[in-house]
N, C-alpha and C. Protein backbone atom coordinates (compact mmCIF):
# COMPACT_ATOMS: atom_id res chain seq x y z
N MET A 1 112.28 -23.58 -178.92
CA MET A 1 112.16 -22.38 -177.18
C MET A 1 112.08 -23.74 -176.63
N GLY A 2 111.19 -25.38 -177.05
CA GLY A 2 111.34 -26.05 -175.98
C GLY A 2 110.25 -26.75 -175.27
N LEU A 3 109.43 -24.78 -175.97
CA LEU A 3 107.79 -24.84 -175.09
C LEU A 3 107.03 -26.22 -175.41
N ASP A 4 105.92 -26.28 -175.13
CA ASP A 4 104.82 -27.79 -175.23
C ASP A 4 103.85 -26.84 -176.56
N PRO A 5 103.17 -26.80 -177.40
CA PRO A 5 103.13 -26.50 -177.59
C PRO A 5 101.15 -26.75 -177.40
N ASP A 6 101.27 -27.53 -176.60
CA ASP A 6 99.89 -28.25 -176.31
C ASP A 6 98.88 -27.56 -175.25
N LEU A 7 99.73 -27.18 -175.05
CA LEU A 7 99.38 -26.00 -173.24
C LEU A 7 100.16 -24.60 -173.02
N TRP A 8 98.73 -23.59 -172.92
CA TRP A 8 99.08 -22.69 -173.11
C TRP A 8 99.38 -21.65 -172.22
N PHE A 9 99.07 -21.72 -170.90
CA PHE A 9 99.76 -21.51 -169.51
C PHE A 9 101.06 -21.74 -169.57
N GLY A 10 101.89 -20.77 -169.17
CA GLY A 10 103.69 -20.75 -169.25
C GLY A 10 104.29 -21.56 -170.18
N ASN A 11 103.64 -21.98 -171.63
CA ASN A 11 104.27 -22.82 -172.67
C ASN A 11 103.88 -21.11 -174.09
N VAL A 12 103.13 -21.88 -175.01
CA VAL A 12 102.40 -20.83 -175.43
C VAL A 12 102.82 -19.64 -175.28
N GLU A 13 102.17 -19.50 -174.32
CA GLU A 13 101.69 -18.02 -173.89
C GLU A 13 102.96 -17.64 -173.43
N ASN A 14 104.56 -18.16 -173.38
CA ASN A 14 105.36 -17.20 -173.00
C ASN A 14 105.88 -16.76 -174.82
N ALA A 15 105.97 -17.89 -175.51
CA ALA A 15 106.21 -17.45 -176.56
C ALA A 15 104.94 -16.30 -177.56
N ALA A 16 103.88 -16.48 -176.86
CA ALA A 16 103.20 -15.48 -177.92
C ALA A 16 103.49 -13.40 -177.28
N ALA A 17 103.61 -13.88 -175.89
CA ALA A 17 103.85 -12.80 -175.73
C ALA A 17 105.33 -12.28 -175.96
N GLU A 18 106.24 -13.01 -176.86
CA GLU A 18 107.61 -12.68 -177.07
C GLU A 18 107.22 -11.90 -178.50
N ILE A 19 105.81 -13.04 -179.31
CA ILE A 19 105.95 -12.45 -180.73
C ILE A 19 104.47 -11.03 -180.73
N VAL A 20 103.82 -11.18 -181.01
CA VAL A 20 102.90 -10.04 -180.23
C VAL A 20 102.74 -9.40 -179.10
N GLY A 21 103.44 -9.37 -178.06
CA GLY A 21 103.08 -8.72 -176.75
C GLY A 21 102.27 -9.65 -175.87
N ARG A 22 102.76 -8.19 -174.42
CA ARG A 22 101.91 -9.22 -173.49
C ARG A 22 100.93 -8.33 -173.21
N GLU A 23 100.43 -7.45 -173.97
CA GLU A 23 98.36 -7.10 -173.71
C GLU A 23 97.60 -8.14 -174.79
N THR A 24 98.17 -8.25 -175.81
CA THR A 24 97.34 -9.41 -176.82
C THR A 24 96.88 -11.51 -175.56
N VAL A 25 98.43 -11.71 -174.99
CA VAL A 25 98.35 -12.89 -174.09
C VAL A 25 97.28 -12.19 -172.60
N GLN A 26 97.55 -11.18 -172.27
CA GLN A 26 96.96 -10.84 -171.33
C GLN A 26 95.12 -10.87 -171.65
N TYR A 27 95.41 -10.06 -172.19
CA TYR A 27 93.76 -9.75 -172.98
C TYR A 27 93.04 -11.48 -173.69
N VAL A 28 93.64 -12.06 -174.10
CA VAL A 28 92.77 -13.93 -173.96
C VAL A 28 93.13 -14.85 -172.56
N SER A 29 94.03 -14.33 -172.17
CA SER A 29 94.26 -14.92 -170.81
C SER A 29 92.80 -14.16 -169.60
N ASN A 30 91.97 -13.14 -170.16
CA ASN A 30 91.33 -12.57 -169.68
C ASN A 30 89.79 -12.82 -170.71
N ILE A 31 89.99 -13.10 -171.55
CA ILE A 31 89.06 -13.41 -172.09
C ILE A 31 89.03 -16.04 -171.23
N TYR A 32 89.80 -15.85 -171.28
CA TYR A 32 89.49 -17.34 -171.07
C TYR A 32 89.32 -17.83 -168.70
N LYS A 33 89.69 -16.22 -168.37
CA LYS A 33 89.02 -16.53 -166.55
C LYS A 33 87.59 -16.02 -167.18
N TYR A 34 86.98 -15.44 -168.27
CA TYR A 34 85.31 -14.95 -167.98
C TYR A 34 84.96 -16.11 -168.64
N TYR A 35 85.22 -17.02 -169.43
CA TYR A 35 84.55 -18.28 -170.34
C TYR A 35 84.65 -19.28 -168.74
N VAL A 36 85.33 -19.23 -167.71
CA VAL A 36 86.41 -20.92 -166.88
C VAL A 36 84.91 -20.05 -166.11
N ALA A 37 84.63 -18.78 -165.29
CA ALA A 37 83.63 -18.37 -164.78
C ALA A 37 81.74 -18.82 -164.92
N TYR A 38 82.12 -17.67 -166.27
CA TYR A 38 80.78 -18.72 -166.93
C TYR A 38 79.78 -19.82 -167.09
N GLU A 39 81.00 -20.31 -166.80
CA GLU A 39 80.92 -22.15 -167.40
C GLU A 39 80.49 -23.28 -165.96
N LEU A 40 81.35 -22.19 -165.03
CA LEU A 40 80.83 -22.86 -163.42
C LEU A 40 80.08 -22.31 -163.07
N LEU A 41 78.99 -20.73 -163.08
CA LEU A 41 78.02 -20.92 -162.82
C LEU A 41 77.09 -21.19 -163.35
N ALA A 42 77.10 -21.19 -165.24
CA ALA A 42 75.61 -22.49 -166.21
C ALA A 42 75.83 -23.48 -164.76
N GLU A 43 76.70 -24.27 -164.82
CA GLU A 43 76.86 -25.56 -163.89
C GLU A 43 76.41 -25.46 -162.24
N HIS A 44 76.23 -24.03 -162.10
CA HIS A 44 75.94 -24.00 -160.53
C HIS A 44 73.92 -24.16 -160.94
N ALA A 45 74.13 -22.80 -162.03
CA ALA A 45 72.53 -22.96 -162.40
C ALA A 45 71.85 -24.39 -162.26
N LYS A 46 72.40 -24.89 -163.34
CA LYS A 46 71.48 -26.26 -163.87
C LYS A 46 71.57 -26.96 -162.81
N GLU A 47 72.82 -27.45 -161.33
CA GLU A 47 72.08 -28.23 -160.43
C GLU A 47 70.79 -27.31 -159.30
N THR A 48 71.41 -25.89 -159.59
CA THR A 48 70.22 -25.51 -158.27
C THR A 48 69.07 -25.46 -159.02
N SER A 49 68.24 -25.87 -160.36
CA SER A 49 67.41 -25.65 -160.85
C SER A 49 66.74 -27.32 -160.93
N ALA A 50 67.98 -28.15 -160.52
CA ALA A 50 67.55 -29.52 -160.66
C ALA A 50 66.97 -29.53 -158.99
N ALA A 51 67.76 -29.42 -159.21
CA ALA A 51 67.92 -29.34 -156.88
C ALA A 51 66.03 -28.56 -156.40
N LYS A 52 66.21 -27.74 -157.34
CA LYS A 52 64.34 -27.43 -156.59
C LYS A 52 63.42 -27.96 -157.61
N SER A 53 63.38 -29.15 -158.48
CA SER A 53 62.86 -28.80 -159.93
C SER A 53 61.55 -30.25 -158.57
N PRO A 54 59.90 -30.39 -159.21
CA PRO A 54 59.88 -31.03 -158.34
C PRO A 54 59.84 -32.69 -158.14
N ALA A 55 60.14 -33.06 -159.29
CA ALA A 55 60.15 -34.46 -159.16
C ALA A 55 62.00 -35.09 -158.52
N ALA A 56 62.79 -33.84 -158.16
CA ALA A 56 64.18 -34.14 -157.27
C ALA A 56 63.42 -34.05 -155.92
N ALA A 57 62.16 -33.57 -155.33
CA ALA A 57 61.94 -33.10 -154.39
C ALA A 57 61.51 -34.49 -153.83
N ASP A 58 60.07 -35.18 -155.34
CA ASP A 58 59.71 -36.81 -155.15
C ASP A 58 60.84 -37.86 -154.48
N ALA A 59 61.97 -37.39 -155.45
CA ALA A 59 62.86 -39.10 -155.49
C ALA A 59 63.45 -38.32 -153.54
N SER A 60 63.33 -37.62 -153.23
CA SER A 60 64.32 -37.44 -152.64
C SER A 60 63.03 -37.95 -151.06
N ALA A 61 61.78 -37.60 -150.67
CA ALA A 61 60.63 -37.79 -150.37
C ALA A 61 60.35 -39.78 -150.57
N GLN A 62 60.86 -40.38 -150.92
CA GLN A 62 60.72 -41.44 -150.64
C GLN A 62 61.81 -42.37 -150.24
């Protein structure tokens, strides 16, 4: 098909949709979106807790 096998969106995604159907590909895409959202949320929570820690307050006071 002339697509990049190492690139999901726009490449493997289209080939998989032809083979297994669009519903399965949509499911995988939704799971990936949740994964990205949770990773960003975890990173944000980590940064927020680090900013609120006493060590961070001491460092900013100096």
